[in-house]
PDB file of N, CA and C in Angstrom:
ATOM      1  N   MET A   1       0.661  -1.327  -0.044  1.00  0.00           N
ATOM      2  CA  MET A   1      -0.021  -0.040  -0.017  1.00  0.00           C
ATOM      3  C   MET A   1       1.063   1.223   0.075  1.00  0.00           C
ATOM      4  N   PHE A   2       1.877   1.116   0.891  1.00  0.00           N
ATOM      5  CA  PHE A   2       2.650   2.464   0.776  1.00  0.00           C
ATOM      6  C   PHE A   2       3.446   2.682  -0.579  1.00  0.00           C
ATOM      7  N   LEU A   3       4.027   1.527  -0.938  1.00  0.00           N
ATOM      8  CA  LEU A   3       4.804   1.537  -2.328  1.00  0.00           C
ATOM      9  C   LEU A   3       3.680   2.263  -3.401  1.00  0.00           C
ATOM     10  N   THR A   4       2.728   1.597  -3.532  1.00  0.00           N
ATOM     11  CA  THR A   4       1.546   1.929  -4.354  1.00  0.00           C
ATOM     12  C   THR A   4       1.252   3.404  -4.324  1.00  0.00           C
ATOM     13  N   PHE A   5       1.103   3.790  -3.082  1.00  0.00           N
ATOM     14  CA  PHE A   5       0.847   5.322  -2.975  1.00  0.00           C
ATOM     15  C   PHE A   5       2.091   6.119  -3.339  1.00  0.00           C
ATOM     16  N   ALA A   6       3.328   5.721  -3.220  1.00  0.00           N
ATOM     17  CA  ALA A   6       4.448   6.491  -3.857  1.00  0.00           C
ATOM     18  C   ALA A   6       4.571   6.470  -5.221  1.00  0.00           C
ATOM     19  N   LYS A   7       4.322   5.334  -5.896  1.00  0.00           N
ATOM     20  CA  LYS A   7       4.188   5.228  -7.259  1.00  0.00           C
ATOM     21  C   LYS A   7       3.024   5.983  -7.714  1.00  0.00           C
ATOM     22  N   LYS A   8       1.949   6.103  -7.468  1.00  0.00           N
ATOM     23  CA  LYS A   8       0.776   6.745  -7.879  1.00  0.00           C
ATOM     24  C   LYS A   8       1.190   8.266  -7.774  1.00  0.00           C
ATOM     25  N   ALA A   9       1.620   8.617  -6.628  1.00  0.00           N
ATOM     26  CA  ALA A   9       1.946   9.929  -6.285  1.00  0.00           C
ATOM     27  C   ALA A   9       3.054  10.465  -7.270  1.00  0.00           C
ATOM     28  N   SER A  10       3.882   9.720  -7.451  1.00  0.00           N
ATOM     29  CA  SER A  10       5.140  10.168  -8.326  1.00  0.00           C
ATOM     30  C   SER A  10       4.561  10.185  -9.777  1.00  0.00           C
ATOM     31  N   ALA A  11       3.694   9.676 -10.194  1.00  0.00           N
ATOM     32  CA  ALA A  11       2.993   9.583 -11.555  1.00  0.00           C
ATOM     33  C   ALA A  11       2.186  10.659 -11.484  1.00  0.00           C
ATOM     34  N   PHE A  12       1.193  10.957 -10.576  1.00  0.00           N
ATOM     35  CA  PHE A  12       0.558  12.273 -10.780  1.00  0.00           C
ATOM     36  C   PHE A  12       0.931  13.338 -10.670  1.00  0.00           C
ATOM     37  N   ASN A  13       2.266  13.552  -9.803  1.00  0.00           N
ATOM     38  CA  ASN A  13       3.088  14.748  -9.687  1.00  0.00           C
ATOM     39  C   ASN A  13       3.991  15.099 -10.998  1.00  0.00           C
ATOM     40  N   SER A  14       4.106  13.953 -11.848  1.00  0.00           N
ATOM     41  CA  SER A  14       4.740  14.196 -13.194  1.00  0.00           C
ATOM     42  C   SER A  14       3.874  14.831 -14.080  1.00  0.00           C
ATOM     43  N   TRP A  15       2.688  14.279 -14.218  1.00  0.00           N
ATOM     44  CA  TRP A  15       1.474  14.534 -14.824  1.00  0.00           C
ATOM     45  C   TRP A  15       1.183  16.030 -14.787  1.00  0.00           C
ATOM     46  N   PHE A  16       1.158  16.510 -13.360  1.00  0.00           N
ATOM     47  CA  PHE A  16       0.933  17.609 -13.079  1.00  0.00           C
ATOM     48  C   PHE A  16       1.960  18.525 -13.535  1.00  0.00           C
ATOM     49  N   GLU A  17       3.282  18.164 -13.536  1.00  0.00           N
ATOM     50  CA  GLU A  17       4.207  19.319 -13.937  1.00  0.00           C
ATOM     51  C   GLU A  17       4.414  19.446 -15.186  1.00  0.00           C
ATOM     52  N   ASN A  18       3.912  18.350 -16.157  1.00  0.00           N
ATOM     53  CA  ASN A  18       3.748  18.714 -17.736  1.00  0.00           C
ATOM     54  C   ASN A  18       2.506  19.271 -17.765  1.00  0.00           C
ATOM     55  N   ALA A  19       1.446  19.280 -17.337  1.00  0.00           N
ATOM     56  CA  ALA A  19       0.253  20.139 -17.158  1.00  0.00           C
ATOM     57  C   ALA A  19       0.437  21.412 -17.181  1.00  0.00           C
ATOM     58  N   GLU A  20       1.061  21.557 -15.827  1.00  0.00           N
ATOM     59  CA  GLU A  20       1.544  23.235 -15.548  1.00  0.00           C
ATOM     60  C   GLU A  20       2.333  23.756 -16.360  1.00  0.00           C
ATOM     61  N   GLU A  21       3.608  23.074 -17.012  1.00  0.00           N
ATOM     62  CA  GLU A  21       4.201  23.772 -17.933  1.00  0.00           C
ATOM     63  C   GLU A  21       3.544  23.745 -19.329  1.00  0.00           C
ATOM     64  N   ASP A  22       2.425  23.026 -19.671  1.00  0.00           N
ATOM     65  CA  ASP A  22       1.700  23.269 -20.912  1.00  0.00           C
ATOM     66  C   ASP A  22       0.785  24.367 -20.770  1.00  0.00           C
ATOM     67  N   LEU A  23       0.458  24.438 -19.685  1.00  0.00           N
ATOM     68  CA  LEU A  23      -0.724  25.632 -19.272  1.00  0.00           C
ATOM     69  C   LEU A  23      -0.125  26.953 -19.027  1.00  0.00           C
ATOM     70  N   THR A  24       1.176  27.086 -18.606  1.00  0.00           N
ATOM     71  CA  THR A  24       1.800  28.351 -18.334  1.00  0.00           C
ATOM     72  C   THR A  24       2.805  28.847 -19.208  1.00  0.00           C
ATOM     73  N   ASP A  25       3.175  27.960 -20.459  1.00  0.00           N
ATOM     74  CA  ASP A  25       3.957  28.326 -21.373  1.00  0.00           C
ATOM     75  C   ASP A  25       3.282  29.662 -21.938  1.00  0.00           C
ATOM     76  N   PRO A  26       4.127  30.609 -22.628  1.00  0.00           N
ATOM     77  CA  PRO A  26       3.643  31.700 -23.300  1.00  0.00           C
ATOM     78  C   PRO A  26       2.895  31.253 -24.731  1.00  0.00           C
ATOM     79  N   VAL A  27       2.066  31.989 -25.129  1.00  0.00           N
ATOM     80  CA  VAL A  27       1.562  31.558 -26.256  1.00  0.00           C
ATOM     81  C   VAL A  27       1.033  32.728 -27.399  1.00  0.00           C
ATOM     82  N   ARG A  28       1.618  32.429 -28.497  1.00  0.00           N
ATOM     83  CA  ARG A  28       1.538  33.710 -29.385  1.00  0.00           C
ATOM     84  C   ARG A  28       0.809  33.037 -30.626  1.00  0.00           C
ATOM     85  N   CYS A  29      -0.546  33.655 -30.921  1.00  0.00           N
ATOM     86  CA  CYS A  29      -1.317  33.267 -31.947  1.00  0.00           C
ATOM     87  C   CYS A  29      -1.220  34.242 -33.021  1.00  0.00           C
ATOM     88  N   ASN A  30      -1.023  33.866 -34.413  1.00  0.00           N
ATOM     89  CA  ASN A  30      -1.352  34.678 -35.503  1.00  0.00           C
ATOM     90  C   ASN A  30      -2.283  34.894 -36.385  1.00  0.00           C
ATOM     91  N   SER A  31      -3.505  33.640 -35.920  1.00  0.00           N
ATOM     92  CA  SER A  31      -4.541  33.509 -36.614  1.00  0.00           C
ATOM     93  C   SER A  31      -5.534  33.019 -35.885  1.00  0.00           C
ATOM     94  N   LEU A  32      -6.790  33.331 -36.513  1.00  0.00           N
ATOM     95  CA  LEU A  32      -7.874  32.490 -35.985  1.00  0.00           C
ATOM     96  C   LEU A  32      -7.698  30.978 -35.924  1.00  0.00           C
ATOM     97  N   GLU A  33      -7.133  30.302 -36.846  1.00  0.00           N
ATOM     98  CA  GLU A  33      -6.809  28.864 -36.892  1.00  0.00           C
ATOM     99  C   GLU A  33      -5.948  28.609 -35.640  1.00  0.00           C
ATOM    100  N   GLU A  34      -5.010  29.379 -35.507  1.00  0.00           N
ATOM    101  CA  GLU A  34      -4.189  29.051 -34.324  1.00  0.00           C
ATOM    102  C   GLU A  34      -4.758  28.811 -32.872  1.00  0.00           C
ATOM    103  N   ILE A  35      -5.648  30.006 -32.967  1.00  0.00           N
ATOM    104  CA  ILE A  35      -6.419  30.193 -31.675  1.00  0.00           C
ATOM    105  C   ILE A  35      -7.330  29.266 -31.455  1.00  0.00           C
ATOM    106  N   ARG A  36      -8.143  28.546 -32.457  1.00  0.00           N
ATOM    107  CA  ARG A  36      -9.011  27.509 -32.538  1.00  0.00           C
ATOM    108  C   ARG A  36      -8.267  26.380 -32.114  1.00  0.00           C
ATOM    109  N   ALA A  37      -7.155  26.094 -32.626  1.00  0.00           N
ATOM    110  CA  ALA A  37      -6.283  24.877 -32.445  1.00  0.00           C
ATOM    111  C   ALA A  37      -5.837  24.719 -31.138  1.00  0.00           C
ATOM    112  N   LEU A  38      -5.391  25.807 -30.328  1.00  0.00           N
ATOM    113  CA  LEU A  38      -5.010  26.015 -29.163  1.00  0.00           C
ATOM    114  C   LEU A  38      -6.343  25.918 -28.025  1.00  0.00           C
ATOM    115  N   ARG A  39      -7.386  26.258 -28.535  1.00  0.00           N
ATOM    116  CA  ARG A  39      -8.865  26.080 -27.750  1.00  0.00           C
ATOM    117  C   ARG A  39      -9.240  24.796 -27.621  1.00  0.00           C
ATOM    118  N   GLU A  40      -8.787  24.133 -29.008  1.00  0.00           N
ATOM    119  CA  GLU A  40      -9.296  22.593 -29.187  1.00  0.00           C
ATOM    120  C   GLU A  40      -8.471  21.837 -28.112  1.00  0.00           C
ATOM    121  N   ALA A  41      -7.018  22.072 -28.260  1.00  0.00           N
ATOM    122  CA  ALA A  41      -6.207  21.373 -27.182  1.00  0.00           C
ATOM    123  C   ALA A  41      -6.630  21.418 -25.842  1.00  0.00           C
ATOM    124  N   HIS A  42      -6.780  22.786 -25.434  1.00  0.00           N
ATOM    125  CA  HIS A  42      -7.128  23.166 -24.168  1.00  0.00           C
ATOM    126  C   HIS A  42      -8.487  22.322 -23.671  1.00  0.00           C
ATOM    127  N   GLU A  43      -9.591  22.252 -24.415  1.00  0.00           N
ATOM    128  CA  GLU A  43     -10.819  21.500 -24.212  1.00  0.00           C
ATOM    129  C   GLU A  43     -10.325  20.048 -24.255  1.00  0.00           C
ATOM    130  N   ALA A  44      -9.655  19.424 -24.846  1.00  0.00           N
ATOM    131  CA  ALA A  44      -9.092  18.198 -25.076  1.00  0.00           C
ATOM    132  C   ALA A  44      -8.444  17.860 -23.504  1.00  0.00           C
ATOM    133  N   PHE A  45      -7.530  18.709 -22.946  1.00  0.00           N
ATOM    134  CA  PHE A  45      -6.917  18.647 -21.972  1.00  0.00           C
ATOM    135  C   PHE A  45      -7.901  18.767 -20.883  1.00  0.00           C
ATOM    136  N   ARG A  46      -8.941  19.689 -20.857  1.00  0.00           N
ATOM    137  CA  ARG A  46      -9.950  19.872 -19.824  1.00  0.00           C
ATOM    138  C   ARG A  46     -10.827  18.462 -19.785  1.00  0.00           C
ATOM    139  N   SER A  47     -11.111  17.649 -20.921  1.00  0.00           N
ATOM    140  CA  SER A  47     -11.784  16.537 -20.892  1.00  0.00           C
ATOM    141  C   SER A  47     -11.087  15.226 -20.137  1.00  0.00           C
ATOM    142  N   SER A  48      -9.828  15.200 -20.411  1.00  0.00           N
ATOM    143  CA  SER A  48      -8.757  14.685 -19.767  1.00  0.00           C
ATOM    144  C   SER A  48      -8.823  14.655 -18.160  1.00  0.00           C
ATOM    145  N   LEU A  49      -9.028  15.667 -17.673  1.00  0.00           N
ATOM    146  CA  LEU A  49      -9.191  15.688 -16.195  1.00  0.00           C
ATOM    147  C   LEU A  49      -9.985  14.683 -15.463  1.00  0.00           C
ATOM    148  N   SER A  50     -10.863  14.327 -15.762  1.00  0.00           N
ATOM    149  CA  SER A  50     -11.868  13.218 -14.967  1.00  0.00           C
ATOM    150  C   SER A  50     -10.866  12.058 -14.898  1.00  0.00           C
ATOM    151  N   SER A  51     -10.106  11.724 -15.704  1.00  0.00           N
ATOM    152  CA  SER A  51      -8.835  10.624 -15.553  1.00  0.00           C
ATOM    153  C   SER A  51      -8.053  10.971 -14.570  1.00  0.00           C
ATOM    154  N   ALA A  52      -7.417  12.305 -14.550  1.00  0.00           N
ATOM    155  CA  ALA A  52      -6.620  12.812 -13.269  1.00  0.00           C
ATOM    156  C   ALA A  52      -7.460  12.859 -11.997  1.00  0.00           C
ATOM    157  N   GLN A  53      -8.665  13.016 -12.185  1.00  0.00           N
ATOM    158  CA  GLN A  53      -9.581  13.433 -10.871  1.00  0.00           C
ATOM    159  C   GLN A  53      -9.569  12.065 -10.209  1.00  0.00           C
ATOM    160  N   ALA A  54      -9.857  10.900 -10.993  1.00  0.00           N
ATOM    161  CA  ALA A  54      -9.693   9.742 -10.744  1.00  0.00           C
ATOM    162  C   ALA A  54      -8.609   8.893 -10.005  1.00  0.00           C
ATOM    163  N   ASP A  55      -7.398   9.516 -10.503  1.00  0.00           N
ATOM    164  CA  ASP A  55      -6.215   9.038 -10.108  1.00  0.00           C
ATOM    165  C   ASP A  55      -5.887   9.748  -8.669  1.00  0.00           C
ATOM    166  N   PHE A  56      -6.214  11.051  -8.591  1.00  0.00           N
ATOM    167  CA  PHE A  56      -6.260  11.952  -7.284  1.00  0.00           C
ATOM    168  C   PHE A  56      -7.059  11.231  -6.289  1.00  0.00           C
ATOM    169  N   ASN A  57      -8.328  10.609  -6.658  1.00  0.00           N
ATOM    170  CA  ASN A  57      -9.150  10.099  -5.512  1.00  0.00           C
ATOM    171  C   ASN A  57      -8.700   8.726  -5.041  1.00  0.00           C
ATOM    172  N   GLN A  58      -8.269   8.095  -6.009  1.00  0.00           N
ATOM    173  CA  GLN A  58      -7.352   6.889  -5.628  1.00  0.00           C
ATOM    174  C   GLN A  58      -6.240   6.864  -4.436  1.00  0.00           C
ATOM    175  N   LEU A  59      -5.391   8.097  -4.865  1.00  0.00           N
ATOM    176  CA  LEU A  59      -4.555   8.735  -3.853  1.00  0.00           C
ATOM    177  C   LEU A  59      -5.156   8.896  -2.444  1.00  0.00           C
ATOM    178  N   ALA A  60      -5.977   9.607  -2.500  1.00  0.00           N
ATOM    179  CA  ALA A  60      -6.849  10.050  -1.206  1.00  0.00           C
ATOM    180  C   ALA A  60      -7.397   8.555  -0.328  1.00  0.00           C
ATOM    181  N   GLU A  61      -7.699   7.758  -1.330  1.00  0.00           N
ATOM    182  CA  GLU A  61      -8.090   6.614  -0.678  1.00  0.00           C
ATOM    183  C   GLU A  61      -7.107   5.803  -0.090  1.00  0.00           C
ATOM    184  N   LEU A  62      -6.046   5.697  -0.689  1.00  0.00           N
ATOM    185  CA  LEU A  62      -4.789   5.131  -0.244  1.00  0.00           C
ATOM    186  C   LEU A  62      -4.228   5.598   0.941  1.00  0.00           C
ATOM    187  N   ASP A  63      -4.212   7.237   0.977  1.00  0.00           N
ATOM    188  CA  ASP A  63      -3.843   7.743   2.049  1.00  0.00           C
ATOM    189  C   ASP A  63      -4.391   7.651   3.178  1.00  0.00           C
ATOM    190  N   GLN A  64      -5.902   7.425   3.189  1.00  0.00           N
ATOM    191  CA  GLN A  64      -6.581   7.145   4.340  1.00  0.00           C
ATOM    192  C   GLN A  64      -6.563   5.829   4.979  1.00  0.00           C
ATOM    193  N   GLN A  65      -6.222   4.913   3.896  1.00  0.00           N
ATOM    194  CA  GLN A  65      -5.810   3.637   4.433  1.00  0.00           C
ATOM    195  C   GLN A  65      -4.527   3.631   5.227  1.00  0.00           C
ATOM    196  N   ILE A  66      -3.433   4.332   4.813  1.00  0.00           N
ATOM    197  CA  ILE A  66      -2.270   4.648   5.248  1.00  0.00           C
ATOM    198  C   ILE A  66      -2.403   5.273   6.658  1.00  0.00           C
ATOM    199  N   LYS A  67      -3.376   6.242   6.811  1.00  0.00           N
ATOM    200  CA  LYS A  67      -3.574   7.015   7.841  1.00  0.00           C
ATOM    201  C   LYS A  67      -3.859   5.965   8.874  1.00  0.00           C
ATOM    202  N   SER A  68      -4.799   5.001   8.625  1.00  0.00           N
ATOM    203  CA  SER A  68      -5.339   4.190   9.456  1.00  0.00           C
ATOM    204  C   SER A  68      -4.405   3.438  10.346  1.00  0.00           C
ATOM    205  N   TYR A  69      -3.229   3.208   9.607  1.00  0.00           N
ATOM    206  CA  TYR A  69      -2.177   2.536  10.634  1.00  0.00           C
ATOM    207  C   TYR A  69      -1.426   3.452  11.553  1.00  0.00           C
ATOM    208  N   GLN A  70      -1.947   4.645  11.553  1.00  0.00           N
ATOM    209  CA  GLN A  70      -1.078   5.725  12.296  1.00  0.00           C
ATOM    210  C   GLN A  70       0.161   5.955  12.213  1.00  0.00           C
ATOM    211  N   VAL A  71       0.553   5.563  10.829  1.00  0.00           N
ATOM    212  CA  VAL A  71       2.105   5.940  10.385  1.00  0.00           C
ATOM    213  C   VAL A  71       2.245   7.365  10.195  1.00  0.00           C
ATOM    214  N   VAL A  72       3.451   7.798  10.590  1.00  0.00           N
ATOM    215  CA  VAL A  72       3.864   9.273  10.359  1.00  0.00           C
ATOM    216  C   VAL A  72       4.022   9.872   9.075  1.00  0.00           C
ATOM    217  N   SER A  73       4.933   8.867   8.403  1.00  0.00           N
ATOM    218  CA  SER A  73       5.404   9.279   7.041  1.00  0.00           C
ATOM    219  C   SER A  73       5.609   7.987   6.358  1.00  0.00           C
ATOM    220  N   ASN A  74       5.453   7.868   5.022  1.00  0.00           N
ATOM    221  CA  ASN A  74       5.327   6.926   3.980  1.00  0.00           C
ATOM    222  C   ASN A  74       7.114   6.854   3.678  1.00  0.00           C
ATOM    223  N   PRO A  75       7.748   5.661   3.916  1.00  0.00           N
ATOM    224  CA  PRO A  75       8.946   5.455   3.692  1.00  0.00           C
ATOM    225  C   PRO A  75       9.599   5.643   2.232  1.00  0.00           C
ATOM    226  N   TYR A  76       8.444   5.474   1.386  1.00  0.00           N
ATOM    227  CA  TYR A  76       8.863   5.361  -0.037  1.00  0.00           C
ATOM    228  C   TYR A  76       8.635   6.379  -0.797  1.00  0.00           C
ATOM    229  N   THR A  77       8.406   7.719  -0.479  1.00  0.00           N
ATOM    230  CA  THR A  77       8.104   8.739  -0.945  1.00  0.00           C
ATOM    231  C   THR A  77       8.281  10.040  -0.103  1.00  0.00           C
ATOM    232  N   TRP A  78       8.351  11.191  -0.594  1.00  0.00           N
ATOM    233  CA  TRP A  78       8.344  12.444   0.299  1.00  0.00           C
ATOM    234  C   TRP A  78       7.198  13.253  -0.207  1.00  0.00           C
ATOM    235  N   PHE A  79       6.041  12.312  -0.987  1.00  0.00           N
ATOM    236  CA  PHE A  79       5.076  13.203  -1.377  1.00  0.00           C
ATOM    237  C   PHE A  79       3.796  12.950  -0.189  1.00  0.00           C
ATOM    238  N   THR A  80       3.256  13.758   0.097  1.00  0.00           N
ATOM    239  CA  THR A  80       2.099  13.664   1.010  1.00  0.00           C
ATOM    240  C   THR A  80       0.990  14.239   0.359  1.00  0.00           C
ATOM    241  N   MET A  81      -0.408  13.755   0.965  1.00  0.00           N
ATOM    242  CA  MET A  81      -1.743  13.925   0.505  1.00  0.00           C
ATOM    243  C   MET A  81      -1.763  15.476   0.303  1.00  0.00           C
ATOM    244  N   GLU A  82      -1.496  16.001   1.306  1.00  0.00           N
ATOM    245  CA  GLU A  82      -1.687  17.308   1.850  1.00  0.00           C
ATOM    246  C   GLU A  82      -0.960  18.099   0.573  1.00  0.00           C
ATOM    247  N   ALA A  83       0.196  17.766   0.316  1.00  0.00           N
ATOM    248  CA  ALA A  83       1.078  18.531  -0.869  1.00  0.00           C
ATOM    249  C   ALA A  83       0.379  18.328  -2.214  1.00  0.00           C
ATOM    250  N   LEU A  84      -0.184  16.980  -2.443  1.00  0.00           N
ATOM    251  CA  LEU A  84      -0.847  16.856  -3.757  1.00  0.00           C
ATOM    252  C   LEU A  84      -2.078  17.607  -3.806  1.00  0.00           C
ATOM    253  N   GLU A  85      -2.798  17.671  -2.577  1.00  0.00           N
ATOM    254  CA  GLU A  85      -4.110  18.324  -2.732  1.00  0.00           C
ATOM    255  C   GLU A  85      -3.915  19.754  -3.113  1.00  0.00           C
ATOM    256  N   GLU A  86      -2.604  20.411  -2.776  1.00  0.00           N
ATOM    257  CA  GLU A  86      -2.191  22.087  -2.828  1.00  0.00           C
ATOM    258  C   GLU A  86      -2.041  21.879  -4.331  1.00  0.00           C
ATOM    259  N   THR A  87      -0.998  21.032  -4.751  1.00  0.00           N
ATOM    260  CA  THR A  87      -1.127  20.791  -6.384  1.00  0.00           C
ATOM    261  C   THR A  87      -2.354  20.593  -7.283  1.00  0.00           C
ATOM    262  N   TRP A  88      -3.044  19.968  -6.563  1.00  0.00           N
ATOM    263  CA  TRP A  88      -4.561  19.818  -7.418  1.00  0.00           C
ATOM    264  C   TRP A  88      -5.279  21.204  -7.410  1.00  0.00           C
ATOM    265  N   ARG A  89      -5.310  21.849  -6.235  1.00  0.00           N
ATOM    266  CA  ARG A  89      -5.811  23.255  -6.294  1.00  0.00           C
ATOM    267  C   ARG A  89      -5.121  24.097  -7.085  1.00  0.00           C
ATOM    268  N   ASN A  90      -4.046  24.060  -6.778  1.00  0.00           N
ATOM    269  CA  ASN A  90      -2.982  25.115  -7.803  1.00  0.00           C
ATOM    270  C   ASN A  90      -3.488  24.794  -9.204  1.00  0.00           C
ATOM    271  N   LEU A  91      -3.364  23.620  -9.835  1.00  0.00           N
ATOM    272  CA  LEU A  91      -3.667  23.467 -11.133  1.00  0.00           C
ATOM    273  C   LEU A  91      -5.089  23.716 -11.510  1.00  0.00           C
ATOM    274  N   GLN A  92      -6.172  23.689 -10.673  1.00  0.00           N
ATOM    275  CA  GLN A  92      -7.615  24.443 -10.868  1.00  0.00           C
ATOM    276  C   GLN A  92      -7.686  25.790 -11.044  1.00  0.00           C
ATOM    277  N   LYS A  93      -6.629  26.419 -10.250  1.00  0.00           N
ATOM    278  CA  LYS A  93      -6.662  27.759 -10.471  1.00  0.00           C
ATOM    279  C   LYS A  93      -5.922  28.064 -11.866  1.00  0.00           C
ATOM    280  N   ILE A  94      -4.703  27.506 -12.179  1.00  0.00           N
ATOM    281  CA  ILE A  94      -4.103  27.652 -13.413  1.00  0.00           C
ATOM    282  C   ILE A  94      -5.205  27.450 -14.809  1.00  0.00           C
ATOM    283  N   ILE A  95      -5.867  26.516 -14.302  1.00  0.00           N
ATOM    284  CA  ILE A  95      -6.960  26.126 -15.564  1.00  0.00           C
ATOM    285  C   ILE A  95      -7.981  27.227 -15.751  1.00  0.00           C
ATOM    286  N   LYS A  96      -8.540  27.901 -14.697  1.00  0.00           N
ATOM    287  CA  LYS A  96      -9.282  28.900 -14.845  1.00  0.00           C
ATOM    288  C   LYS A  96      -8.729  30.244 -15.344  1.00  0.00           C
ATOM    289  N   VAL A  97      -7.400  30.382 -14.932  1.00  0.00           N
ATOM    290  CA  VAL A  97      -6.727  31.722 -15.840  1.00  0.00           C
ATOM    291  C   VAL A  97      -6.498  31.417 -17.072  1.00  0.00           C
ATOM    292  N   GLN A  98      -5.909  30.236 -17.368  1.00  0.00           N
ATOM    293  CA  GLN A  98      -5.647  29.862 -18.803  1.00  0.00           C
ATOM    294  C   GLN A  98      -6.823  29.932 -19.659  1.00  0.00           C
ATOM    295  N   THR A  99      -8.196  29.397 -19.289  1.00  0.00           N
ATOM    296  CA  THR A  99      -9.561  29.338 -20.025  1.00  0.00           C
ATOM    297  C   THR A  99      -9.721  30.908 -20.304  1.00  0.00           C
ATOM    298  N   SER A 100      -9.684  31.636 -19.185  1.00  0.00           N
ATOM    299  CA  SER A 100     -10.007  32.943 -19.415  1.00  0.00           C
ATOM    300  C   SER A 100      -8.962  33.708 -20.445  1.00  0.00           C
ATOM    301  N   LYS A 101      -7.648  33.585 -20.364  1.00  0.00           N
ATOM    302  CA  LYS A 101      -6.797  34.219 -21.258  1.00  0.00           C
ATOM    303  C   LYS A 101      -6.806  33.638 -22.550  1.00  0.00           C
ATOM    304  N   LYS A 102      -7.545  32.280 -22.963  1.00  0.00           N
ATOM    305  CA  LYS A 102      -7.640  32.164 -24.121  1.00  0.00           C
ATOM    306  C   LYS A 102      -8.984  32.586 -24.829  1.00  0.00           C
ATOM    307  N   HIS A 103      -9.852  33.082 -23.987  1.00  0.00           N
ATOM    308  CA  HIS A 103     -10.922  33.678 -24.361  1.00  0.00           C
ATOM    309  C   HIS A 103     -10.546  35.265 -24.808  1.00  0.00           C
ATOM    310  N   THR A 104      -9.840  35.676 -23.934  1.00  0.00           N
ATOM    311  CA  THR A 104      -9.476  36.958 -24.184  1.00  0.00           C
ATOM    312  C   THR A 104      -8.498  37.118 -25.428  1.00  0.00           C
ATOM    313  N   HIS A 105      -7.751  36.129 -25.669  1.00  0.00           N
ATOM    314  CA  HIS A 105      -6.909  36.175 -26.898  1.00  0.00           C
ATOM    315  C   HIS A 105      -7.812  36.207 -28.137  1.00  0.00           C
ATOM    316  N   ARG A 106      -8.767  35.500 -28.181  1.00  0.00           N
ATOM    317  CA  ARG A 106      -9.583  35.255 -29.271  1.00  0.00           C
ATOM    318  C   ARG A 106     -10.239  36.782 -29.532  1.00  0.00           C
ATOM    319  N   HIS A 107     -10.898  37.313 -28.361  1.00  0.00           N
ATOM    320  CA  HIS A 107     -11.496  38.436 -28.700  1.00  0.00           C
ATOM    321  C   HIS A 107     -10.582  39.584 -28.691  1.00  0.00           C
ATOM    322  N   THR A 108      -9.448  39.662 -28.329  1.00  0.00           N
ATOM    323  CA  THR A 108      -8.493  40.627 -28.925  1.00  0.00           C
ATOM    324  C   THR A 108      -8.052  40.577 -30.326  1.00  0.00           C
ATOM    325  N   PHE A 109      -7.825  39.263 -30.690  1.00  0.00           N
ATOM    326  CA  PHE A 109      -7.469  39.096 -31.992  1.00  0.00           C
ATOM    327  C   PHE A 109      -8.539  39.728 -33.151  1.00  0.00           C
ATOM    328  N   LEU A 110      -9.819  39.135 -32.557  1.00  0.00           N
ATOM    329  CA  LEU A 110     -11.016  39.557 -33.517  1.00  0.00           C
ATOM    330  C   LEU A 110     -11.304  41.019 -33.509  1.00  0.00           C
ATOM    331  N   PHE A 111     -11.029  41.738 -32.375  1.00  0.00           N
ATOM    332  CA  PHE A 111     -11.050  43.131 -32.180  1.00  0.00           C
ATOM    333  C   PHE A 111     -10.009  43.983 -32.999  1.00  0.00           C
ATOM    334  N   LYS A 112      -8.903  43.467 -32.889  1.00  0.00           N
ATOM    335  CA  LYS A 112      -7.750  44.071 -33.575  1.00  0.00           C
ATOM    336  C   LYS A 112      -7.879  43.654 -35.363  1.00  0.00           C
ATOM    337  N   GLY A 113      -8.523  42.585 -35.753  1.00  0.00           N
ATOM    338  CA  GLY A 113      -8.870  42.227 -36.908  1.00  0.00           C
ATOM    339  C   GLY A 113      -9.743  43.272 -37.530  1.00  0.00           C
ATOM    340  N   THR A 114     -10.713  43.607 -36.774  1.00  0.00           N
ATOM    341  CA  THR A 114     -11.688  44.394 -37.322  1.00  0.00           C
ATOM    342  C   THR A 114     -11.247  46.102 -37.382  1.00  0.00           C
ATOM    343  N   ILE A 115     -10.262  46.239 -36.909  1.00  0.00           N
ATOM    344  CA  ILE A 115      -9.660  47.851 -36.808  1.00  0.00           C
ATOM    345  C   ILE A 115      -8.626  47.900 -38.209  1.00  0.00           C
ATOM    346  N   HIS A 116      -8.217  46.905 -38.453  1.00  0.00           N
ATOM    347  CA  HIS A 116      -7.253  47.034 -39.748  1.00  0.00           C
ATOM    348  C   HIS A 116      -8.064  47.086 -41.003  1.00  0.00           C
TER     349      HIS A 116
END
C-alpha cells in the first residue's frame, strides 16, 4: 500500500508538472486557426481531467488507508496527500486563468482584426 501510494503519487506529480508547463508556457497566435487549435487542445486537456481526478481520488483513498495505520510518514516517498491536494488546487487555478486568457486572446484578435 505504501509503495503503491508512492508510485501513484510520483506519476500524478509528473503529470501535474507537464500539465502546469503546458498551461503556463507563453502562447502567441497569429491567426484564428491557431487560436482555434489552441482552444481545442485546451478543451481536450480539460476533458482528460476526469482521469486525473480518478487518480487523485485513488491517492486520497490510499492515504486514508495508510493513515489508519497511524504511520507518520511513507518510507517510499516524500509526497504527502496534503502536498498533492495543494498541487491539485493550484492546477484548478491555472486552468481557470488559462481558460480566461484563451477567450481574451480570441476577442483581442477579433477586435484588432476589425480595426485594420
